[in-house]
C-alpha cells in the first residue's frame, strides 16, 4: 500500500464521535482535540488515495506540520457525532496544504474550519520532495 495518488480523492469525509475524556469543564470539546481530529482526517485522506502513512515512514518519508490555523464557530459536546471533511487545498514539490470543515452530523452545524501546511522531510528533518506516488497530478 505504499504507492498511491492523492489526485484520486482530493477530499475525504470521516465521522468522529466526541468522547467524554475529550471535553473540558464546560462540557465542550477541548481545543487541543481538534488537531488530533485533523490528523485523523489527513491520515484517512492519504489512505483513501492508496497510501498508508506508516508505509511512508518505513521508506524515510515524513510529513511535519509547518503551519496551522483554525476558526472555532460553535462548540461540539460529549457524544456529538461529527463529520470531518479533509481536502487537499494545494500541493507543491515539498508541501501540502489541507483544509478542514468539521460539522455536527445531526444538524449540519459548522463547528470549525482549519487549514494546515505540511512539509515533507526525511528522517533527519531535512526538507525533501514529496514522492511522485503521492503528488500525482498536483503542483503549486
C-alpha atoms as a PDB file:
ATOM      1  CA  UNK A   1       0.000   0.000   0.000  1.00  0.00           C
ATOM      2  CA  UNK A   2       2.980   2.305  -0.327  1.00  0.00           C
ATOM      3  CA  UNK A   3       2.041   3.645  -3.725  1.00  0.00           C
ATOM      4  CA  UNK A   4      -0.998   5.743  -4.477  1.00  0.00           C
ATOM      5  CA  UNK A   5      -2.091   9.059  -5.849  1.00  0.00           C
ATOM      6  CA  UNK A   6      -3.741  11.881  -3.966  1.00  0.00           C
ATOM      7  CA  UNK A   7      -5.210  13.195  -7.183  1.00  0.00           C
ATOM      8  CA  UNK A   8      -7.798  10.461  -6.910  1.00  0.00           C
ATOM      9  CA  UNK A   9      -9.581  11.517  -3.883  1.00  0.00           C
ATOM     10  CA  UNK A  10      -8.757  15.093  -3.053  1.00  0.00           C
ATOM     11  CA  UNK A  11     -11.444  15.054  -0.333  1.00  0.00           C
ATOM     12  CA  UNK A  12     -12.304  12.579   2.400  1.00  0.00           C
ATOM     13  CA  UNK A  13     -15.116  12.521   4.981  1.00  0.00           C
ATOM     14  CA  UNK A  14     -14.870  10.669   8.294  1.00  0.00           C
ATOM     15  CA  UNK A  15     -17.271  10.507  11.226  1.00  0.00           C
ATOM     16  CA  UNK A  16     -15.959  11.082  14.739  1.00  0.00           C
ATOM     17  CA  UNK A  17     -17.905  10.771  17.993  1.00  0.00           C
ATOM     18  CA  UNK A  18     -16.832  13.146  20.785  1.00  0.00           C
ATOM     19  CA  UNK A  19     -15.715  11.110  23.785  1.00  0.00           C
ATOM     20  CA  UNK A  20     -16.240  12.189  27.394  1.00  0.00           C
ATOM     21  CA  UNK A  21     -12.487  12.412  28.032  1.00  0.00           C
ATOM     22  CA  UNK A  22     -12.195  14.985  25.215  1.00  0.00           C
ATOM     23  CA  UNK A  23     -14.442  17.662  26.728  1.00  0.00           C
ATOM     24  CA  UNK A  24     -13.426  20.429  29.107  1.00  0.00           C
ATOM     25  CA  UNK A  25     -15.049  21.528  32.387  1.00  0.00           C
ATOM     26  CA  UNK A  26     -17.660  23.487  30.407  1.00  0.00           C
ATOM     27  CA  UNK A  27     -18.664  20.345  28.524  1.00  0.00           C
ATOM     28  CA  UNK A  28     -17.224  21.480  25.168  1.00  0.00           C
ATOM     29  CA  UNK A  29     -14.698  19.634  23.052  1.00  0.00           C
ATOM     30  CA  UNK A  30     -11.295  20.925  24.207  1.00  0.00           C
ATOM     31  CA  UNK A  31      -9.486  22.956  21.542  1.00  0.00           C
ATOM     32  CA  UNK A  32      -6.439  20.647  21.645  1.00  0.00           C
ATOM     33  CA  UNK A  33      -8.526  17.689  20.452  1.00  0.00           C
ATOM     34  CA  UNK A  34      -9.401  19.355  17.146  1.00  0.00           C
ATOM     35  CA  UNK A  35      -5.802  18.926  15.990  1.00  0.00           C
ATOM     36  CA  UNK A  36      -5.991  15.197  16.722  1.00  0.00           C
ATOM     37  CA  UNK A  37      -9.170  15.022  14.632  1.00  0.00           C
ATOM     38  CA  UNK A  38      -7.498  16.918  11.768  1.00  0.00           C
ATOM     39  CA  UNK A  39      -4.586  14.477  11.840  1.00  0.00           C
ATOM     40  CA  UNK A  40      -7.097  11.623  11.633  1.00  0.00           C
ATOM     41  CA  UNK A  41      -8.608  13.292   8.569  1.00  0.00           C
ATOM     42  CA  UNK A  42      -5.228  13.687   6.852  1.00  0.00           C
ATOM     43  CA  UNK A  43      -4.307  10.071   7.541  1.00  0.00           C
ATOM     44  CA  UNK A  44      -7.592   8.787   6.136  1.00  0.00           C
ATOM     45  CA  UNK A  45      -7.343  11.070   3.088  1.00  0.00           C
ATOM     46  CA  UNK A  46      -3.915   9.585   2.368  1.00  0.00           C
ATOM     47  CA  UNK A  47      -5.273   6.065   2.924  1.00  0.00           C
ATOM     48  CA  UNK A  48      -8.191   6.731   0.543  1.00  0.00           C
ATOM     49  CA  UNK A  49      -5.549   7.683  -2.033  1.00  0.00           C
ATOM     50  CA  UNK A  50      -3.949   4.261  -1.622  1.00  0.00           C
ATOM     51  CA  UNK A  51      -1.101   5.249   0.713  1.00  0.00           C
ATOM     52  CA  UNK A  52      -0.616   4.254   4.348  1.00  0.00           C
ATOM     53  CA  UNK A  53       1.359   6.830   6.326  1.00  0.00           C
ATOM     54  CA  UNK A  54       3.049   4.006   8.206  1.00  0.00           C
ATOM     55  CA  UNK A  55       4.443   2.709   4.893  1.00  0.00           C
ATOM     56  CA  UNK A  56       5.751   6.188   4.013  1.00  0.00           C
ATOM     57  CA  UNK A  57       7.607   6.383   7.316  1.00  0.00           C
ATOM     58  CA  UNK A  58       9.195   2.987   6.671  1.00  0.00           C
ATOM     59  CA  UNK A  59      10.687   4.427   3.448  1.00  0.00           C
ATOM     60  CA  UNK A  60      12.055   7.507   5.258  1.00  0.00           C
ATOM     61  CA  UNK A  61       9.332   9.962   4.171  1.00  0.00           C
ATOM     62  CA  UNK A  62       7.691  12.044   6.907  1.00  0.00           C
ATOM     63  CA  UNK A  63       5.243  14.952   6.973  1.00  0.00           C
ATOM     64  CA  UNK A  64       5.542  17.608   9.667  1.00  0.00           C
ATOM     65  CA  UNK A  65       3.095  20.392  10.429  1.00  0.00           C
ATOM     66  CA  UNK A  66       4.749  23.662   9.442  1.00  0.00           C
ATOM     67  CA  UNK A  67       1.698  25.915   9.872  1.00  0.00           C
ATOM     68  CA  UNK A  68      -1.804  25.600  11.259  1.00  0.00           C
ATOM     69  CA  UNK A  69      -4.792  27.804  11.928  1.00  0.00           C
ATOM     70  CA  UNK A  70      -8.381  27.258  12.991  1.00  0.00           C
ATOM     71  CA  UNK A  71     -11.610  29.157  13.460  1.00  0.00           C
ATOM     72  CA  UNK A  72     -13.990  27.745  16.055  1.00  0.00           C
ATOM     73  CA  UNK A  73     -17.606  28.523  15.164  1.00  0.00           C
ATOM     74  CA  UNK A  74     -19.684  26.555  17.696  1.00  0.00           C
ATOM     75  CA  UNK A  75     -18.960  24.064  20.473  1.00  0.00           C
ATOM     76  CA  UNK A  76     -19.023  20.320  19.984  1.00  0.00           C
ATOM     77  CA  UNK A  77     -20.300  18.421  23.021  1.00  0.00           C
ATOM     78  CA  UNK A  78     -19.893  14.964  24.525  1.00  0.00           C
ATOM     79  CA  UNK A  79     -21.446  12.242  22.342  1.00  0.00           C
ATOM     80  CA  UNK A  80     -21.960  14.554  19.335  1.00  0.00           C
ATOM     81  CA  UNK A  81     -21.364  12.724  16.073  1.00  0.00           C
ATOM     82  CA  UNK A  82     -19.246  14.952  13.852  1.00  0.00           C
ATOM     83  CA  UNK A  83     -18.300  14.724  10.189  1.00  0.00           C
ATOM     84  CA  UNK A  84     -14.838  15.940   9.279  1.00  0.00           C
ATOM     85  CA  UNK A  85     -14.190  16.828   5.647  1.00  0.00           C
ATOM     86  CA  UNK A  86     -10.488  16.989   4.808  1.00  0.00           C
ATOM     87  CA  UNK A  87      -9.274  18.202   1.431  1.00  0.00           C
ATOM     88  CA  UNK A  88      -6.042  18.996  -0.353  1.00  0.00           C
ATOM     89  CA  UNK A  89      -6.124  22.756  -0.976  1.00  0.00           C
ATOM     90  CA  UNK A  90      -2.806  22.746  -2.867  1.00  0.00           C
ATOM     91  CA  UNK A  91       0.311  20.684  -3.253  1.00  0.00           C
ATOM     92  CA  UNK A  92       3.798  21.741  -4.290  1.00  0.00           C
ATOM     93  CA  UNK A  93       7.104  19.958  -4.591  1.00  0.00           C
ATOM     94  CA  UNK A  94       7.728  19.833  -0.818  1.00  0.00           C
ATOM     95  CA  UNK A  95       4.487  20.890   0.901  1.00  0.00           C
ATOM     96  CA  UNK A  96       0.803  20.050   1.109  1.00  0.00           C
ATOM     97  CA  UNK A  97      -1.903  22.491   2.220  1.00  0.00           C
ATOM     98  CA  UNK A  98      -5.012  20.891   3.724  1.00  0.00           C
ATOM     99  CA  UNK A  99      -8.392  22.452   4.509  1.00  0.00           C
ATOM    100  CA  UNK A 100     -10.860  21.087   7.049  1.00  0.00           C
ATOM    101  CA  UNK A 101     -14.545  21.524   7.835  1.00  0.00           C
ATOM    102  CA  UNK A 102     -15.958  19.939  10.975  1.00  0.00           C
ATOM    103  CA  UNK A 103     -19.764  19.720  11.187  1.00  0.00           C
ATOM    104  CA  UNK A 104     -22.227  18.237  13.653  1.00  0.00           C
ATOM    105  CA  UNK A 105     -23.880  15.393  11.771  1.00  0.00           C
ATOM    106  CA  UNK A 106     -27.357  15.757  13.308  1.00  0.00           C
ATOM    107  CA  UNK A 107     -27.983  19.314  12.099  1.00  0.00           C
ATOM    108  CA  UNK A 108     -25.085  20.159   9.773  1.00  0.00           C
ATOM    109  CA  UNK A 109     -23.896  22.959  12.095  1.00  0.00           C
ATOM    110  CA  UNK A 110     -20.398  24.140  11.200  1.00  0.00           C
ATOM    111  CA  UNK A 111     -18.256  23.594  14.298  1.00  0.00           C
ATOM    112  CA  UNK A 112     -14.823  24.598  12.997  1.00  0.00           C
ATOM    113  CA  UNK A 113     -12.752  25.284   9.916  1.00  0.00           C
ATOM    114  CA  UNK A 114      -8.991  24.928   9.742  1.00  0.00           C
ATOM    115  CA  UNK A 115      -6.012  24.761   7.476  1.00  0.00           C
ATOM    116  CA  UNK A 116      -2.569  23.208   7.794  1.00  0.00           C
ATOM    117  CA  UNK A 117       0.620  23.201   5.783  1.00  0.00           C
ATOM    118  CA  UNK A 118       2.705  20.039   5.960  1.00  0.00           C
ATOM    119  CA  UNK A 119       6.326  19.872   4.859  1.00  0.00           C
ATOM    120  CA  UNK A 120       7.833  16.658   3.531  1.00  0.00           C
ATOM    121  CA  UNK A 121      11.059  15.735   5.341  1.00  0.00           C
ATOM    122  CA  UNK A 122      13.454  12.837   5.700  1.00  0.00           C
ATOM    123  CA  UNK A 123      14.357  11.069   8.941  1.00  0.00           C
ATOM    124  CA  UNK A 124      16.880  13.793   9.844  1.00  0.00           C
ATOM    125  CA  UNK A 125      14.301  16.556   9.355  1.00  0.00           C
ATOM    126  CA  UNK A 126      15.703  17.831   6.044  1.00  0.00           C
ATOM    127  CA  UNK A 127      13.097  19.005   3.535  1.00  0.00           C
ATOM    128  CA  UNK A 128      12.688  16.594   0.611  1.00  0.00           C
ATOM    129  CA  UNK A 129      10.416  16.342  -2.413  1.00  0.00           C
ATOM    130  CA  UNK A 130       7.040  14.725  -1.975  1.00  0.00           C
ATOM    131  CA  UNK A 131       7.189  11.307  -3.691  1.00  0.00           C
ATOM    132  CA  UNK A 132       5.592  11.219  -7.148  1.00  0.00           C
ATOM    133  CA  UNK A 133       3.332   8.417  -5.951  1.00  0.00           C
ATOM    134  CA  UNK A 134       1.605  10.971  -3.699  1.00  0.00           C
ATOM    135  CA  UNK A 135       1.915  14.104  -5.803  1.00  0.00           C
ATOM    136  CA  UNK A 136       0.354  12.589  -8.910  1.00  0.00           C
ATOM    137  CA  UNK A 137      -1.031  15.477 -10.938  1.00  0.00           C
ATOM    138  CA  UNK A 138      -0.820  18.033  -8.127  1.00  0.00           C
ATOM    139  CA  UNK A 139       1.514  21.000  -8.261  1.00  0.00           C
ATOM    140  CA  UNK A 140       1.601  24.516  -6.941  1.00  0.00           C
END
